[in-house]
């Protein structure tokens, strides 16, 4: 069953954690609360995050990410994030996530992913980062995907 998150709080964590690791802002404006939720949902880049379960499950996706993965939010938030990679790519993805856990973030990541309907696509130049709550406790991981292309 999908976990319910407080969207304004979650988006604030996405923003602050991104700033913490990269020194940059995720949103183009200094906004917060419901305005930040709406802005991030309408942006052209995809943003996803997963929780801290032993087999992490997606807990957030903006509209661009839902279109990219071809699923509804309800479907996406029941999906273990490892399943976004094909079985042959899951080891590579696991190593990526371990590197992010260790280093805090990575930039310029590209890799093949699989949509809910089985369609393959390539994410390009993604930033993946650790999420920290307001107390600095590990809260999960997120990715900002600015570009993607279909696999042929």
N, C-alpha and C. Protein backbone atom coordinates (compact mmCIF):
# COMPACT_ATOMS: atom_id res chain seq x y z
N UNK A 1 0.84 -1.19 0.00
CA UNK A 1 0.00 0.00 0.00
C UNK A 1 0.88 1.25 0.00
N UNK A 2 0.51 2.25 -0.77
CA UNK A 2 1.29 3.47 -0.88
C UNK A 2 1.24 4.27 0.42
N UNK A 3 2.37 4.87 0.75
CA UNK A 3 2.40 5.71 1.93
C UNK A 3 1.91 7.10 1.56
N UNK A 4 1.27 7.76 2.50
CA UNK A 4 0.76 9.10 2.30
C UNK A 4 1.80 10.07 2.85
N UNK A 5 2.16 11.05 2.03
CA UNK A 5 3.12 12.04 2.48
C UNK A 5 2.48 13.41 2.50
N UNK A 6 3.01 14.27 3.33
CA UNK A 6 2.62 15.68 3.39
C UNK A 6 3.37 16.38 2.25
N UNK A 7 2.67 16.70 1.16
CA UNK A 7 3.33 17.22 -0.03
C UNK A 7 4.12 18.52 0.21
N UNK A 8 3.56 19.54 0.89
CA UNK A 8 4.38 20.73 1.12
C UNK A 8 5.66 20.42 1.90
N UNK A 9 5.56 19.57 2.90
CA UNK A 9 6.75 19.19 3.66
C UNK A 9 7.73 18.40 2.79
N UNK A 10 7.22 17.49 1.98
CA UNK A 10 8.06 16.67 1.13
C UNK A 10 8.79 17.54 0.09
N UNK A 11 8.09 18.45 -0.53
CA UNK A 11 8.71 19.33 -1.52
C UNK A 11 9.76 20.21 -0.84
N UNK A 12 9.49 20.67 0.38
CA UNK A 12 10.50 21.45 1.12
C UNK A 12 11.75 20.61 1.36
N UNK A 13 11.57 19.34 1.70
CA UNK A 13 12.72 18.44 1.90
C UNK A 13 13.47 18.24 0.58
N UNK A 14 12.73 18.05 -0.52
CA UNK A 14 13.36 17.93 -1.84
C UNK A 14 14.22 19.17 -2.12
N UNK A 15 13.63 20.34 -1.90
CA UNK A 15 14.33 21.61 -2.17
C UNK A 15 15.57 21.78 -1.30
N UNK A 16 15.39 21.64 0.00
CA UNK A 16 16.49 21.89 0.93
C UNK A 16 17.60 20.86 0.78
N UNK A 17 17.25 19.61 0.54
CA UNK A 17 18.27 18.58 0.36
C UNK A 17 19.04 18.82 -0.93
N UNK A 18 18.35 19.22 -1.99
CA UNK A 18 19.01 19.53 -3.25
C UNK A 18 19.99 20.68 -3.06
N UNK A 19 19.57 21.72 -2.37
CA UNK A 19 20.43 22.87 -2.09
C UNK A 19 21.62 22.45 -1.22
N UNK A 20 21.36 21.61 -0.23
CA UNK A 20 22.42 21.14 0.67
C UNK A 20 23.53 20.46 -0.10
N UNK A 21 23.18 19.55 -1.00
CA UNK A 21 24.18 18.76 -1.72
C UNK A 21 24.80 19.49 -2.91
N UNK A 22 23.98 20.24 -3.65
CA UNK A 22 24.49 20.82 -4.90
C UNK A 22 24.85 22.29 -4.80
N UNK A 23 24.31 22.97 -3.79
CA UNK A 23 24.52 24.41 -3.68
C UNK A 23 23.62 25.21 -4.60
N UNK A 24 22.71 24.54 -5.29
CA UNK A 24 21.79 25.20 -6.22
C UNK A 24 20.34 25.02 -5.75
N UNK A 25 19.46 25.77 -6.38
CA UNK A 25 18.04 25.64 -6.04
C UNK A 25 17.35 24.73 -7.05
N UNK A 26 16.42 23.95 -6.57
CA UNK A 26 15.63 23.07 -7.43
C UNK A 26 14.54 23.87 -8.13
N UNK A 27 13.95 24.81 -7.43
CA UNK A 27 12.90 25.64 -7.98
C UNK A 27 13.50 26.97 -8.41
N UNK A 28 12.90 27.61 -9.41
CA UNK A 28 13.46 28.86 -9.91
C UNK A 28 13.09 30.05 -9.03
N UNK A 29 12.13 29.88 -8.18
CA UNK A 29 11.70 30.98 -7.32
C UNK A 29 11.77 30.54 -5.86
N UNK A 30 11.91 31.50 -4.98
CA UNK A 30 11.89 31.21 -3.55
C UNK A 30 10.43 31.13 -3.09
N UNK A 31 9.85 29.97 -3.27
CA UNK A 31 8.47 29.76 -2.87
C UNK A 31 8.42 28.56 -1.95
N UNK A 32 7.34 28.45 -1.22
CA UNK A 32 7.21 27.33 -0.29
C UNK A 32 5.74 26.92 -0.21
N UNK A 33 5.51 25.89 0.58
CA UNK A 33 4.15 25.43 0.81
C UNK A 33 3.49 24.92 -0.46
N UNK A 34 2.20 25.18 -0.56
CA UNK A 34 1.41 24.71 -1.70
C UNK A 34 1.87 25.32 -3.02
N UNK A 35 2.39 26.56 -2.99
CA UNK A 35 2.91 27.18 -4.21
C UNK A 35 4.08 26.37 -4.77
N UNK A 36 4.96 25.89 -3.90
CA UNK A 36 6.10 25.08 -4.33
C UNK A 36 5.63 23.74 -4.89
N UNK A 37 4.63 23.14 -4.25
CA UNK A 37 4.08 21.87 -4.72
C UNK A 37 3.54 22.05 -6.13
N UNK A 38 2.76 23.10 -6.35
CA UNK A 38 2.16 23.35 -7.66
C UNK A 38 3.23 23.66 -8.71
N UNK A 39 4.22 24.47 -8.35
CA UNK A 39 5.29 24.81 -9.30
C UNK A 39 6.04 23.57 -9.73
N UNK A 40 6.43 22.74 -8.77
CA UNK A 40 7.20 21.54 -9.10
C UNK A 40 6.36 20.56 -9.92
N UNK A 41 5.07 20.51 -9.66
CA UNK A 41 4.21 19.60 -10.40
C UNK A 41 4.06 20.04 -11.86
N UNK A 42 4.21 21.32 -12.14
CA UNK A 42 4.01 21.84 -13.49
C UNK A 42 5.30 22.02 -14.27
N UNK A 43 6.44 21.76 -13.67
CA UNK A 43 7.71 22.00 -14.35
C UNK A 43 7.94 20.98 -15.47
N UNK A 44 8.83 21.29 -16.37
CA UNK A 44 9.08 20.42 -17.52
C UNK A 44 10.03 19.27 -17.20
N UNK A 45 10.81 19.37 -16.12
CA UNK A 45 11.70 18.27 -15.77
C UNK A 45 11.01 17.31 -14.82
N UNK A 46 11.45 16.07 -14.85
CA UNK A 46 10.85 15.03 -14.00
C UNK A 46 11.56 14.99 -12.65
N UNK A 47 10.78 14.81 -11.59
CA UNK A 47 11.32 14.64 -10.24
C UNK A 47 10.61 13.45 -9.60
N UNK A 48 11.41 12.54 -9.05
CA UNK A 48 10.88 11.37 -8.35
C UNK A 48 11.64 11.21 -7.03
N UNK A 49 11.03 10.50 -6.11
CA UNK A 49 11.75 10.15 -4.88
C UNK A 49 11.24 8.82 -4.37
N UNK A 50 12.08 8.19 -3.53
CA UNK A 50 11.66 6.95 -2.87
C UNK A 50 11.94 7.04 -1.38
N UNK A 51 11.31 6.14 -0.66
CA UNK A 51 11.37 6.15 0.80
C UNK A 51 12.59 5.39 1.32
N UNK A 52 12.58 5.04 2.60
CA UNK A 52 13.74 4.41 3.24
C UNK A 52 13.50 2.94 3.62
N UNK A 53 12.52 2.32 3.01
CA UNK A 53 12.30 0.90 3.27
C UNK A 53 13.51 0.10 2.79
N UNK A 54 13.70 -1.13 3.30
CA UNK A 54 14.81 -1.96 2.80
C UNK A 54 14.77 -2.14 1.27
N UNK A 55 13.59 -2.25 0.70
CA UNK A 55 13.40 -2.27 -0.75
C UNK A 55 12.59 -1.00 -1.06
N UNK A 56 13.27 0.15 -1.26
CA UNK A 56 12.58 1.43 -1.34
C UNK A 56 11.48 1.47 -2.39
N UNK A 57 10.39 2.15 -2.01
CA UNK A 57 9.22 2.32 -2.86
C UNK A 57 9.11 3.80 -3.20
N UNK A 58 8.78 4.09 -4.46
CA UNK A 58 8.57 5.47 -4.85
C UNK A 58 7.49 6.10 -3.97
N UNK A 59 7.71 7.35 -3.57
CA UNK A 59 6.72 8.05 -2.77
C UNK A 59 6.34 9.41 -3.34
N UNK A 60 6.98 9.79 -4.46
CA UNK A 60 6.65 11.07 -5.08
C UNK A 60 7.03 11.04 -6.56
N UNK A 61 6.22 11.67 -7.38
CA UNK A 61 6.53 11.94 -8.78
C UNK A 61 5.72 13.15 -9.21
N UNK A 62 6.38 14.07 -9.91
CA UNK A 62 5.62 15.18 -10.46
C UNK A 62 4.97 14.74 -11.79
N UNK A 63 4.20 15.63 -12.41
CA UNK A 63 3.47 15.25 -13.63
C UNK A 63 4.40 14.79 -14.75
N UNK A 64 5.53 15.48 -14.92
CA UNK A 64 6.46 15.10 -15.99
C UNK A 64 6.95 13.67 -15.76
N UNK A 65 7.22 13.31 -14.52
CA UNK A 65 7.70 11.96 -14.22
C UNK A 65 6.59 10.93 -14.46
N UNK A 66 5.37 11.26 -14.10
CA UNK A 66 4.27 10.32 -14.32
C UNK A 66 4.05 10.08 -15.81
N UNK A 67 4.16 11.14 -16.60
CA UNK A 67 4.04 10.97 -18.06
C UNK A 67 5.20 10.12 -18.58
N UNK A 68 6.40 10.40 -18.11
CA UNK A 68 7.58 9.68 -18.55
C UNK A 68 7.46 8.19 -18.25
N UNK A 69 7.03 7.85 -17.05
CA UNK A 69 6.91 6.45 -16.64
C UNK A 69 5.57 5.83 -17.05
N UNK A 70 4.64 6.64 -17.58
CA UNK A 70 3.38 6.12 -18.10
C UNK A 70 2.49 5.46 -17.07
N UNK A 71 2.44 6.06 -15.87
CA UNK A 71 1.63 5.51 -14.79
C UNK A 71 0.89 6.62 -14.06
N UNK A 72 -0.07 6.23 -13.23
CA UNK A 72 -0.74 7.18 -12.34
C UNK A 72 0.09 7.31 -11.06
N UNK A 73 -0.18 8.33 -10.29
CA UNK A 73 0.52 8.49 -9.01
C UNK A 73 0.26 7.29 -8.10
N UNK A 74 -0.97 6.79 -8.11
CA UNK A 74 -1.31 5.64 -7.27
C UNK A 74 -0.48 4.41 -7.67
N UNK A 75 -0.34 4.18 -8.96
CA UNK A 75 0.49 3.05 -9.43
C UNK A 75 1.95 3.27 -9.07
N UNK A 76 2.44 4.48 -9.30
CA UNK A 76 3.85 4.79 -9.09
C UNK A 76 4.25 4.62 -7.63
N UNK A 77 3.37 5.03 -6.72
CA UNK A 77 3.72 4.98 -5.30
C UNK A 77 3.51 3.60 -4.67
N UNK A 78 3.24 2.61 -5.50
CA UNK A 78 3.21 1.22 -5.03
C UNK A 78 4.35 0.42 -5.66
N UNK A 79 5.23 1.09 -6.39
CA UNK A 79 6.25 0.48 -7.22
C UNK A 79 7.61 0.56 -6.53
N UNK A 80 8.24 -0.56 -6.20
CA UNK A 80 9.62 -0.50 -5.69
C UNK A 80 10.50 0.20 -6.73
N UNK A 81 11.31 1.14 -6.30
CA UNK A 81 12.07 1.95 -7.27
C UNK A 81 13.06 1.12 -8.08
N UNK A 82 13.53 -0.01 -7.55
CA UNK A 82 14.45 -0.85 -8.32
C UNK A 82 13.81 -1.37 -9.59
N UNK A 83 12.47 -1.47 -9.61
CA UNK A 83 11.77 -1.98 -10.79
C UNK A 83 11.69 -0.96 -11.92
N UNK A 84 12.19 0.26 -11.66
CA UNK A 84 12.24 1.24 -12.75
C UNK A 84 13.38 0.91 -13.72
N UNK A 85 14.26 0.00 -13.31
CA UNK A 85 15.33 -0.47 -14.18
C UNK A 85 15.04 -1.92 -14.57
N UNK A 86 15.43 -2.27 -15.79
CA UNK A 86 15.25 -3.66 -16.23
C UNK A 86 16.09 -4.58 -15.34
N UNK A 87 15.69 -5.84 -15.23
CA UNK A 87 16.47 -6.77 -14.40
C UNK A 87 17.96 -6.77 -14.73
N UNK A 88 18.31 -6.66 -16.00
CA UNK A 88 19.73 -6.67 -16.38
C UNK A 88 20.44 -5.37 -15.98
N UNK A 89 19.69 -4.31 -15.68
CA UNK A 89 20.26 -3.02 -15.29
C UNK A 89 20.18 -2.77 -13.79
N UNK A 90 19.52 -3.66 -13.03
CA UNK A 90 19.30 -3.39 -11.61
C UNK A 90 20.59 -3.37 -10.80
N UNK A 91 21.58 -4.17 -11.17
CA UNK A 91 22.86 -4.14 -10.47
C UNK A 91 23.55 -2.80 -10.65
N UNK A 92 23.54 -2.29 -11.87
CA UNK A 92 24.13 -0.99 -12.16
C UNK A 92 23.40 0.11 -11.39
N UNK A 93 22.07 0.03 -11.35
CA UNK A 93 21.28 1.00 -10.61
C UNK A 93 21.59 0.92 -9.12
N UNK A 94 21.71 -0.29 -8.58
CA UNK A 94 22.02 -0.46 -7.16
C UNK A 94 23.38 0.17 -6.82
N UNK A 95 24.36 0.01 -7.70
CA UNK A 95 25.67 0.63 -7.46
C UNK A 95 25.56 2.15 -7.48
N UNK A 96 24.75 2.69 -8.38
CA UNK A 96 24.51 4.12 -8.43
C UNK A 96 23.94 4.61 -7.09
N UNK A 97 22.92 3.91 -6.61
CA UNK A 97 22.26 4.33 -5.37
C UNK A 97 23.22 4.22 -4.18
N UNK A 98 24.08 3.21 -4.18
CA UNK A 98 25.10 3.09 -3.12
C UNK A 98 26.06 4.28 -3.18
N UNK A 99 26.45 4.69 -4.37
CA UNK A 99 27.35 5.84 -4.52
C UNK A 99 26.67 7.10 -3.99
N UNK A 100 25.40 7.28 -4.30
CA UNK A 100 24.66 8.44 -3.80
C UNK A 100 24.59 8.37 -2.28
N UNK A 101 24.30 7.20 -1.72
CA UNK A 101 24.25 7.05 -0.26
C UNK A 101 25.58 7.48 0.37
N UNK A 102 26.66 7.09 -0.25
CA UNK A 102 27.99 7.37 0.28
C UNK A 102 28.38 8.84 0.09
N UNK A 103 28.17 9.38 -1.12
CA UNK A 103 28.68 10.70 -1.47
C UNK A 103 27.66 11.83 -1.32
N UNK A 104 26.40 11.51 -1.12
CA UNK A 104 25.36 12.52 -0.95
C UNK A 104 24.59 12.84 -2.21
N UNK A 105 25.30 12.86 -3.35
CA UNK A 105 24.62 13.12 -4.63
C UNK A 105 25.56 12.80 -5.77
N UNK A 106 24.99 12.67 -6.95
CA UNK A 106 25.76 12.58 -8.18
C UNK A 106 25.04 13.42 -9.24
N UNK A 107 25.82 13.87 -10.21
CA UNK A 107 25.25 14.63 -11.31
C UNK A 107 25.65 13.98 -12.62
N UNK A 108 24.87 14.26 -13.66
CA UNK A 108 25.21 13.80 -15.00
C UNK A 108 24.95 12.33 -15.24
N UNK A 109 24.08 11.71 -14.44
CA UNK A 109 23.79 10.29 -14.60
C UNK A 109 22.88 10.06 -15.80
N UNK A 110 23.21 9.05 -16.58
CA UNK A 110 22.35 8.61 -17.68
C UNK A 110 22.19 7.10 -17.59
N UNK A 111 21.01 6.60 -17.86
CA UNK A 111 20.77 5.17 -17.82
C UNK A 111 19.42 4.81 -18.38
N UNK A 112 19.26 3.56 -18.73
CA UNK A 112 18.01 3.06 -19.28
C UNK A 112 17.02 2.77 -18.16
N UNK A 113 15.78 3.14 -18.38
CA UNK A 113 14.69 2.85 -17.45
C UNK A 113 13.55 2.23 -18.22
N UNK A 114 12.60 1.72 -17.46
CA UNK A 114 11.45 1.05 -18.07
C UNK A 114 10.17 1.65 -17.50
N UNK A 115 9.23 1.94 -18.40
CA UNK A 115 7.96 2.54 -18.01
C UNK A 115 7.00 1.45 -17.54
N UNK A 116 5.89 1.87 -16.99
CA UNK A 116 4.89 0.94 -16.51
C UNK A 116 4.35 0.02 -17.59
N UNK A 117 4.36 0.47 -18.84
CA UNK A 117 3.85 -0.35 -19.94
C UNK A 117 4.96 -1.17 -20.62
N UNK A 118 6.17 -1.15 -20.05
CA UNK A 118 7.28 -1.92 -20.60
C UNK A 118 8.13 -1.16 -21.61
N UNK A 119 7.72 0.04 -21.97
CA UNK A 119 8.49 0.87 -22.90
C UNK A 119 9.80 1.28 -22.23
N UNK A 120 10.89 1.21 -23.01
CA UNK A 120 12.20 1.59 -22.48
C UNK A 120 12.52 3.03 -22.90
N UNK A 121 13.21 3.75 -22.00
CA UNK A 121 13.65 5.10 -22.31
C UNK A 121 14.97 5.35 -21.58
N UNK A 122 15.69 6.33 -22.07
CA UNK A 122 16.98 6.70 -21.50
C UNK A 122 16.82 8.01 -20.74
N UNK A 123 17.19 8.01 -19.46
CA UNK A 123 17.25 9.28 -18.73
C UNK A 123 18.65 9.85 -18.95
N UNK A 124 18.71 11.16 -19.08
CA UNK A 124 19.97 11.83 -19.44
C UNK A 124 20.27 12.95 -18.45
N UNK A 125 21.52 13.03 -18.03
CA UNK A 125 22.01 14.14 -17.19
C UNK A 125 21.23 14.31 -15.89
N UNK A 126 20.81 13.22 -15.29
CA UNK A 126 20.04 13.29 -14.04
C UNK A 126 20.94 13.62 -12.85
N UNK A 127 20.36 14.29 -11.89
CA UNK A 127 20.98 14.49 -10.58
C UNK A 127 20.21 13.62 -9.60
N UNK A 128 20.93 12.84 -8.83
CA UNK A 128 20.33 11.96 -7.82
C UNK A 128 20.94 12.36 -6.48
N UNK A 129 20.10 12.55 -5.47
CA UNK A 129 20.61 13.02 -4.18
C UNK A 129 19.88 12.38 -3.01
N UNK A 130 20.58 12.37 -1.86
CA UNK A 130 20.00 11.90 -0.62
C UNK A 130 19.08 12.98 -0.06
N UNK A 131 17.98 12.55 0.49
CA UNK A 131 17.05 13.45 1.15
C UNK A 131 17.31 13.43 2.65
N UNK A 132 17.33 14.62 3.24
CA UNK A 132 17.51 14.78 4.68
C UNK A 132 16.32 15.56 5.21
N UNK A 133 15.72 15.07 6.29
CA UNK A 133 14.59 15.80 6.86
C UNK A 133 15.08 17.05 7.60
N UNK A 134 14.16 17.77 8.21
CA UNK A 134 14.51 19.03 8.86
C UNK A 134 15.48 18.85 10.04
N UNK A 135 15.62 17.62 10.54
CA UNK A 135 16.58 17.34 11.62
C UNK A 135 17.89 16.77 11.08
N UNK A 136 18.00 16.66 9.76
CA UNK A 136 19.21 16.13 9.16
C UNK A 136 19.25 14.61 9.10
N UNK A 137 18.11 13.97 9.38
CA UNK A 137 18.02 12.51 9.35
C UNK A 137 17.73 12.03 7.91
N UNK A 138 18.36 10.93 7.53
CA UNK A 138 18.15 10.35 6.19
C UNK A 138 16.67 10.08 5.98
N UNK A 139 16.15 10.53 4.82
CA UNK A 139 14.72 10.50 4.53
C UNK A 139 14.39 9.77 3.22
N UNK A 140 15.43 9.41 2.44
CA UNK A 140 15.22 8.74 1.16
C UNK A 140 16.16 9.30 0.11
N UNK A 141 15.81 9.09 -1.14
CA UNK A 141 16.61 9.60 -2.25
C UNK A 141 15.68 10.13 -3.32
N UNK A 142 16.20 11.09 -4.10
CA UNK A 142 15.40 11.71 -5.15
C UNK A 142 16.24 11.84 -6.41
N UNK A 143 15.54 12.02 -7.52
CA UNK A 143 16.22 12.27 -8.80
C UNK A 143 15.49 13.37 -9.54
N UNK A 144 16.27 14.24 -10.17
CA UNK A 144 15.77 15.26 -11.07
C UNK A 144 16.27 14.88 -12.45
N UNK A 145 15.33 14.66 -13.36
CA UNK A 145 15.66 14.18 -14.70
C UNK A 145 15.30 15.29 -15.69
N UNK A 146 16.30 16.03 -16.17
CA UNK A 146 16.01 17.14 -17.07
C UNK A 146 15.77 16.74 -18.52
N UNK A 147 16.29 15.56 -18.90
CA UNK A 147 16.18 15.12 -20.30
C UNK A 147 15.97 13.61 -20.35
N UNK A 148 15.33 13.18 -21.43
CA UNK A 148 15.15 11.75 -21.67
C UNK A 148 14.90 11.55 -23.16
N UNK A 149 15.08 10.32 -23.58
CA UNK A 149 14.79 9.98 -24.98
C UNK A 149 14.30 8.54 -25.04
N UNK A 150 13.55 8.25 -26.08
CA UNK A 150 13.04 6.89 -26.28
C UNK A 150 14.18 5.98 -26.70
N UNK A 151 14.12 4.75 -26.29
CA UNK A 151 15.07 3.73 -26.75
C UNK A 151 14.45 3.05 -27.96
N UNK A 152 15.27 2.82 -28.96
CA UNK A 152 14.76 2.14 -30.17
C UNK A 152 15.41 0.80 -30.33
